[in-house]
């Protein structure tokens, strides 16, 4: 299954090459012209394109709770981690992300280092 992740602005676009083998259709908001846009514009784009929205911003949790899903939101509780550590977190949970993507009732996934989902 090839999932498309849309990385929020609080994550580096340098993550894309690190994620390519597992998530080859992933994009970053700045690289698709959404740099500096508000959360609703990013939300709407993820919805339109069928992306899983990946962020460290808990504002998307509030949007998910008020609007429901799609889009589905993956929130990374990783603080100021390096790109390598952030990519590792996503790749280590790739099977969880895939299961989350197809789960009919799940709209929000919180990932943190060392956590088992």
N, C-alpha and C. Protein backbone atom coordinates (compact mmCIF):
# COMPACT_ATOMS: atom_id res chain seq x y z
N UNK A 1 0.85 -1.17 0.00
CA UNK A 1 0.00 0.00 0.00
C UNK A 1 0.90 1.24 0.00
N UNK A 2 0.68 2.16 -0.92
CA UNK A 2 1.45 3.39 -0.97
C UNK A 2 0.61 4.54 -0.44
N UNK A 3 1.04 5.05 0.68
CA UNK A 3 0.33 6.15 1.32
C UNK A 3 1.03 7.46 1.01
N UNK A 4 0.25 8.50 0.95
CA UNK A 4 0.80 9.83 0.74
C UNK A 4 0.71 10.59 2.06
N UNK A 5 1.88 10.98 2.56
CA UNK A 5 1.94 11.80 3.76
C UNK A 5 2.11 13.25 3.32
N UNK A 6 1.40 14.14 3.97
CA UNK A 6 1.61 15.57 3.76
C UNK A 6 2.25 16.10 5.03
N UNK A 7 3.52 16.50 4.93
CA UNK A 7 4.26 16.98 6.08
C UNK A 7 3.97 18.44 6.32
N UNK A 8 3.60 18.76 7.54
CA UNK A 8 3.29 20.12 7.94
C UNK A 8 4.58 20.95 7.99
N UNK A 9 4.40 22.25 8.08
CA UNK A 9 5.51 23.19 8.05
C UNK A 9 6.45 23.04 9.24
N UNK A 10 5.97 22.48 10.34
CA UNK A 10 6.83 22.32 11.50
C UNK A 10 7.76 21.11 11.38
N UNK A 11 7.71 20.45 10.27
CA UNK A 11 8.63 19.36 9.94
C UNK A 11 9.47 19.80 8.74
N UNK A 12 10.66 19.26 8.63
CA UNK A 12 11.55 19.65 7.54
C UNK A 12 11.22 18.91 6.25
N UNK A 13 11.34 19.63 5.15
CA UNK A 13 11.17 18.98 3.84
C UNK A 13 12.32 18.00 3.57
N UNK A 14 13.40 18.11 4.34
CA UNK A 14 14.53 17.18 4.20
C UNK A 14 14.17 15.77 4.67
N UNK A 15 13.00 15.61 5.27
CA UNK A 15 12.52 14.29 5.65
C UNK A 15 12.09 13.47 4.43
N UNK A 16 11.66 14.14 3.38
CA UNK A 16 11.10 13.43 2.22
C UNK A 16 12.02 12.35 1.65
N UNK A 17 13.30 12.65 1.40
CA UNK A 17 14.17 11.58 0.87
C UNK A 17 14.35 10.43 1.86
N UNK A 18 14.29 10.73 3.15
CA UNK A 18 14.45 9.69 4.16
C UNK A 18 13.24 8.76 4.23
N UNK A 19 12.10 9.26 3.81
CA UNK A 19 10.85 8.50 3.85
C UNK A 19 10.49 7.87 2.51
N UNK A 20 11.23 8.21 1.47
CA UNK A 20 10.84 7.86 0.10
C UNK A 20 10.61 6.37 -0.12
N UNK A 21 11.46 5.52 0.40
CA UNK A 21 11.32 4.08 0.13
C UNK A 21 9.99 3.53 0.65
N UNK A 22 9.51 4.03 1.77
CA UNK A 22 8.27 3.51 2.37
C UNK A 22 7.05 4.35 2.00
N UNK A 23 7.25 5.66 1.85
CA UNK A 23 6.14 6.57 1.56
C UNK A 23 6.52 7.45 0.35
N UNK A 24 6.62 6.85 -0.84
CA UNK A 24 7.16 7.57 -2.00
C UNK A 24 6.31 8.72 -2.53
N UNK A 25 5.04 8.77 -2.19
CA UNK A 25 4.17 9.83 -2.71
C UNK A 25 4.00 10.99 -1.74
N UNK A 26 4.84 11.03 -0.73
CA UNK A 26 4.73 12.06 0.29
C UNK A 26 5.23 13.40 -0.22
N UNK A 27 4.67 14.46 0.40
CA UNK A 27 4.99 15.83 0.00
C UNK A 27 5.12 16.69 1.25
N UNK A 28 5.63 17.88 1.04
CA UNK A 28 5.76 18.85 2.13
C UNK A 28 4.98 20.10 1.75
N UNK A 29 4.33 20.72 2.74
CA UNK A 29 3.47 21.87 2.44
C UNK A 29 4.22 22.99 1.74
N UNK A 30 5.46 23.25 2.13
CA UNK A 30 6.20 24.34 1.47
C UNK A 30 6.48 24.03 0.00
N UNK A 31 6.68 22.77 -0.32
CA UNK A 31 7.02 22.40 -1.70
C UNK A 31 5.80 22.36 -2.62
N UNK A 32 4.60 22.46 -2.05
CA UNK A 32 3.40 22.49 -2.89
C UNK A 32 2.69 23.84 -2.77
N UNK A 33 3.44 24.85 -2.32
CA UNK A 33 2.92 26.21 -2.30
C UNK A 33 2.06 26.58 -1.11
N UNK A 34 2.12 25.79 -0.04
CA UNK A 34 1.31 26.10 1.14
C UNK A 34 2.13 26.62 2.31
N UNK A 35 3.36 26.99 2.06
CA UNK A 35 4.19 27.55 3.13
C UNK A 35 3.56 28.82 3.67
N UNK A 36 3.44 28.92 4.98
CA UNK A 36 2.87 30.11 5.60
C UNK A 36 1.35 30.14 5.63
N UNK A 37 0.71 29.15 5.05
CA UNK A 37 -0.76 29.11 5.04
C UNK A 37 -1.29 28.69 6.41
N UNK A 38 -2.54 29.03 6.67
CA UNK A 38 -3.12 28.66 7.95
C UNK A 38 -3.49 27.17 7.95
N UNK A 39 -3.78 26.68 9.15
CA UNK A 39 -4.05 25.25 9.32
C UNK A 39 -5.23 24.77 8.49
N UNK A 40 -6.25 25.60 8.33
CA UNK A 40 -7.41 25.18 7.53
C UNK A 40 -7.07 24.97 6.06
N UNK A 41 -6.18 25.79 5.52
CA UNK A 41 -5.77 25.60 4.12
C UNK A 41 -5.02 24.29 3.96
N UNK A 42 -4.17 23.98 4.94
CA UNK A 42 -3.41 22.72 4.89
C UNK A 42 -4.37 21.54 5.08
N UNK A 43 -5.30 21.67 6.01
CA UNK A 43 -6.32 20.64 6.25
C UNK A 43 -7.10 20.36 4.97
N UNK A 44 -7.57 21.43 4.33
CA UNK A 44 -8.36 21.28 3.10
C UNK A 44 -7.57 20.63 1.99
N UNK A 45 -6.29 20.95 1.88
CA UNK A 45 -5.46 20.35 0.84
C UNK A 45 -5.25 18.85 1.09
N UNK A 46 -5.00 18.49 2.35
CA UNK A 46 -4.85 17.07 2.69
C UNK A 46 -6.15 16.32 2.39
N UNK A 47 -7.27 16.94 2.70
CA UNK A 47 -8.58 16.34 2.42
C UNK A 47 -8.76 16.15 0.92
N UNK A 48 -8.49 17.19 0.16
CA UNK A 48 -8.66 17.14 -1.30
C UNK A 48 -7.78 16.07 -1.95
N UNK A 49 -6.55 15.96 -1.48
CA UNK A 49 -5.59 15.05 -2.10
C UNK A 49 -5.57 13.64 -1.49
N UNK A 50 -6.31 13.44 -0.40
CA UNK A 50 -6.35 12.12 0.23
C UNK A 50 -5.09 11.79 1.01
N UNK A 51 -4.41 12.81 1.51
CA UNK A 51 -3.17 12.61 2.26
C UNK A 51 -3.44 12.34 3.73
N UNK A 52 -2.48 11.69 4.37
CA UNK A 52 -2.41 11.66 5.82
C UNK A 52 -1.58 12.86 6.23
N UNK A 53 -2.11 13.69 7.08
CA UNK A 53 -1.44 14.91 7.50
C UNK A 53 -0.53 14.60 8.68
N UNK A 54 0.77 14.89 8.54
CA UNK A 54 1.76 14.61 9.59
C UNK A 54 2.24 15.94 10.15
N UNK A 55 2.17 16.06 11.48
CA UNK A 55 2.46 17.33 12.13
C UNK A 55 3.00 17.12 13.53
N UNK A 56 3.52 18.19 14.11
CA UNK A 56 3.83 18.23 15.53
C UNK A 56 2.91 19.25 16.22
N UNK A 57 1.95 19.76 15.49
CA UNK A 57 1.06 20.84 15.93
C UNK A 57 -0.24 20.27 16.48
N UNK A 58 -0.51 20.48 17.75
CA UNK A 58 -1.74 19.94 18.33
C UNK A 58 -2.99 20.69 17.88
N UNK A 59 -2.83 21.78 17.12
CA UNK A 59 -4.00 22.46 16.55
C UNK A 59 -4.76 21.51 15.61
N UNK A 60 -4.03 20.62 14.97
CA UNK A 60 -4.70 19.68 14.07
C UNK A 60 -5.51 18.64 14.83
N UNK A 61 -5.15 18.39 16.08
CA UNK A 61 -5.99 17.52 16.92
C UNK A 61 -7.34 18.19 17.14
N UNK A 62 -7.31 19.48 17.44
CA UNK A 62 -8.58 20.21 17.62
C UNK A 62 -9.42 20.21 16.34
N UNK A 63 -8.76 20.40 15.22
CA UNK A 63 -9.50 20.35 13.94
C UNK A 63 -10.09 18.96 13.72
N UNK A 64 -9.31 17.94 14.02
CA UNK A 64 -9.78 16.57 13.85
C UNK A 64 -10.99 16.30 14.73
N UNK A 65 -10.95 16.82 15.96
CA UNK A 65 -12.06 16.60 16.88
C UNK A 65 -13.30 17.40 16.46
N UNK A 66 -13.11 18.60 15.93
CA UNK A 66 -14.27 19.42 15.57
C UNK A 66 -14.83 19.08 14.18
N UNK A 67 -13.97 18.71 13.26
CA UNK A 67 -14.42 18.45 11.89
C UNK A 67 -14.54 16.97 11.54
N UNK A 68 -13.93 16.13 12.36
CA UNK A 68 -13.91 14.71 12.01
C UNK A 68 -12.84 14.46 10.96
N UNK A 69 -12.95 13.32 10.33
CA UNK A 69 -11.96 12.97 9.30
C UNK A 69 -12.70 12.41 8.11
N UNK A 70 -12.10 12.40 6.94
CA UNK A 70 -10.74 12.75 6.60
C UNK A 70 -10.52 14.27 6.63
N UNK A 71 -9.27 14.69 6.56
CA UNK A 71 -8.07 13.86 6.52
C UNK A 71 -7.74 13.29 7.89
N UNK A 72 -7.01 12.23 7.85
CA UNK A 72 -6.50 11.64 9.09
C UNK A 72 -5.21 12.36 9.46
N UNK A 73 -4.99 12.49 10.76
CA UNK A 73 -3.85 13.26 11.26
C UNK A 73 -2.93 12.35 12.07
N UNK A 74 -1.64 12.46 11.78
CA UNK A 74 -0.61 11.79 12.56
C UNK A 74 0.17 12.89 13.27
N UNK A 75 0.14 12.87 14.59
CA UNK A 75 0.85 13.86 15.38
C UNK A 75 2.09 13.21 16.00
N UNK A 76 3.23 13.85 15.82
CA UNK A 76 4.49 13.34 16.33
C UNK A 76 4.85 14.06 17.62
N UNK A 77 4.90 13.33 18.71
CA UNK A 77 5.30 13.88 20.00
C UNK A 77 6.79 13.62 20.16
N UNK A 78 7.57 14.41 19.44
CA UNK A 78 9.01 14.14 19.36
C UNK A 78 9.86 15.36 19.67
N UNK A 79 9.25 16.50 19.91
CA UNK A 79 10.02 17.70 20.26
C UNK A 79 10.96 18.13 19.15
N UNK A 80 12.09 18.68 19.52
CA UNK A 80 13.08 19.16 18.55
C UNK A 80 14.04 18.05 18.16
N UNK A 81 13.52 17.02 17.59
CA UNK A 81 14.34 15.87 17.18
C UNK A 81 14.98 16.13 15.82
N UNK A 82 16.04 15.43 15.55
CA UNK A 82 16.70 15.53 14.24
C UNK A 82 15.81 14.93 13.16
N UNK A 83 16.15 15.24 11.93
CA UNK A 83 15.41 14.64 10.81
C UNK A 83 15.55 13.12 10.82
N UNK A 84 16.74 12.64 11.16
CA UNK A 84 16.95 11.19 11.20
C UNK A 84 16.06 10.54 12.26
N UNK A 85 15.96 11.15 13.44
CA UNK A 85 15.12 10.60 14.50
C UNK A 85 13.64 10.67 14.13
N UNK A 86 13.24 11.75 13.49
CA UNK A 86 11.84 11.90 13.07
C UNK A 86 11.50 10.87 12.00
N UNK A 87 12.39 10.70 11.02
CA UNK A 87 12.16 9.69 9.99
C UNK A 87 12.12 8.30 10.60
N UNK A 88 12.99 8.05 11.54
CA UNK A 88 13.02 6.74 12.23
C UNK A 88 11.69 6.47 12.92
N UNK A 89 11.15 7.47 13.59
CA UNK A 89 9.87 7.31 14.26
C UNK A 89 8.78 6.92 13.27
N UNK A 90 8.72 7.62 12.16
CA UNK A 90 7.70 7.32 11.15
C UNK A 90 7.93 5.94 10.53
N UNK A 91 9.16 5.63 10.20
CA UNK A 91 9.45 4.35 9.56
C UNK A 91 9.25 3.17 10.52
N UNK A 92 9.60 3.37 11.78
CA UNK A 92 9.40 2.31 12.77
C UNK A 92 7.92 2.03 13.01
N UNK A 93 7.09 3.00 12.71
CA UNK A 93 5.64 2.84 12.88
C UNK A 93 4.90 2.75 11.54
N UNK A 94 5.62 2.41 10.49
CA UNK A 94 4.99 2.35 9.16
C UNK A 94 3.81 1.39 9.13
N UNK A 95 3.94 0.24 9.75
CA UNK A 95 2.82 -0.72 9.77
C UNK A 95 1.63 -0.15 10.54
N UNK A 96 1.92 0.56 11.64
CA UNK A 96 0.85 1.21 12.41
C UNK A 96 0.17 2.30 11.58
N UNK A 97 0.97 3.05 10.84
CA UNK A 97 0.43 4.12 9.99
C UNK A 97 -0.46 3.52 8.91
N UNK A 98 -0.04 2.42 8.31
CA UNK A 98 -0.85 1.77 7.29
C UNK A 98 -2.16 1.24 7.88
N UNK A 99 -2.10 0.64 9.07
CA UNK A 99 -3.32 0.16 9.72
C UNK A 99 -4.24 1.32 10.07
N UNK A 100 -3.66 2.40 10.57
CA UNK A 100 -4.42 3.61 10.90
C UNK A 100 -5.12 4.16 9.66
N UNK A 101 -4.41 4.18 8.55
CA UNK A 101 -4.94 4.73 7.31
C UNK A 101 -6.22 4.02 6.87
N UNK A 102 -6.27 2.73 7.07
CA UNK A 102 -7.43 1.97 6.60
C UNK A 102 -8.47 1.72 7.69
N UNK A 103 -8.21 2.15 8.91
CA UNK A 103 -9.17 1.93 10.00
C UNK A 103 -10.38 2.85 9.80
N UNK A 104 -11.58 2.29 9.80
CA UNK A 104 -12.77 3.10 9.48
C UNK A 104 -13.18 4.10 10.56
N UNK A 105 -12.68 3.94 11.78
CA UNK A 105 -13.11 4.82 12.86
C UNK A 105 -12.00 5.67 13.45
N UNK A 106 -10.78 5.52 12.99
CA UNK A 106 -9.65 6.27 13.55
C UNK A 106 -9.35 7.50 12.71
N UNK A 107 -9.23 8.64 13.38
CA UNK A 107 -8.94 9.88 12.67
C UNK A 107 -7.67 10.56 13.13
N UNK A 108 -7.10 10.11 14.27
CA UNK A 108 -5.93 10.77 14.84
C UNK A 108 -5.00 9.72 15.42
N UNK A 109 -3.73 9.81 15.08
CA UNK A 109 -2.72 8.89 15.57
C UNK A 109 -1.59 9.68 16.20
N UNK A 110 -1.28 9.40 17.46
CA UNK A 110 -0.19 10.05 18.16
C UNK A 110 0.98 9.08 18.23
N UNK A 111 2.13 9.51 17.72
CA UNK A 111 3.34 8.69 17.76
C UNK A 111 4.40 9.37 18.60
N UNK A 112 5.04 8.59 19.44
CA UNK A 112 6.15 9.11 20.22
C UNK A 112 7.23 8.03 20.30
N UNK A 113 8.49 8.45 20.49
CA UNK A 113 9.56 7.46 20.57
C UNK A 113 9.32 6.49 21.73
N UNK A 114 9.54 5.24 21.49
CA UNK A 114 9.41 4.23 22.52
C UNK A 114 7.99 3.75 22.77
N UNK A 115 7.01 4.45 22.18
CA UNK A 115 5.61 4.06 22.41
C UNK A 115 5.22 2.94 21.47
N UNK A 116 4.45 2.03 21.95
CA UNK A 116 3.88 0.97 21.12
C UNK A 116 2.44 1.31 20.87
N UNK A 117 1.99 1.18 19.61
CA UNK A 117 0.59 1.49 19.30
C UNK A 117 -0.21 0.23 19.15
